[in-house]
Amino acid sequence: MVKISVVVPCYNAERYIVDCLESVFKQTKEPHEVIVIDDGSTDNTKHCAFYQMDNKTTRIFSNYENKGIGQARYVGVAEALRGKCDYIAFLSTDDAWQPNFLEVMCAAAAQNPDKIIYSGFTICNEQLIPSQSIIPMNFNLRQEDFHVWCYQLALRDNMNVNFSSILIPREVFDKVQFD
């Protein structure tokens, strides 16, 4: 059985964190664990996350001061790698997954075990009305080429994969770190 650690970095996200975590807990494929990193929030983010958490699988960590989303992700990845996860998925607090997201991603991972798995996503407004669907390019991406590809797309302002729509094998983190 594939084990997925979900890393949720957050900063002053009390407005979104409950819906974000609810979308994780309603997955048809349950994650192995959910790691919430409160990056020095000054609002009620941590309280809202505690209220929403599933005690069996959720751990919450806090930075005492805001260190940025990269550092929060790094802390989450480090915690995930201490466990027995096979893959790491990220979810931004202002994003939510469809109920079958992890199930579909796991099926794709089973067919492509040495690949980073990514999906399209839909951009919605505050009322959750879709405004744009992003369909990623279809190509054969090796793990070692992922960071180069992201950098090239970011330079062209054409990034069509976001952190909330990828599933990354744990082995990638032996080669890549967040700055």
Foldseek 3Di string as FASTA:
>chain_A
DAAEEEEEEDAQLLVQQLQAVVLQVLAPDHHQAYEYEYQQHPDCNVVSCVVRDDVVHYDYHYDNHHPDPQVSVQVSLVVVVVDDHFKYAYDYRNDHDHRHLVVVQVVVCVVVVQDKGFAKDFDADPVRHTDDIFGDDDDDDGLVCVVVVQVVCVVVVNDGTDRNGIIGGSVSVVPDGGD
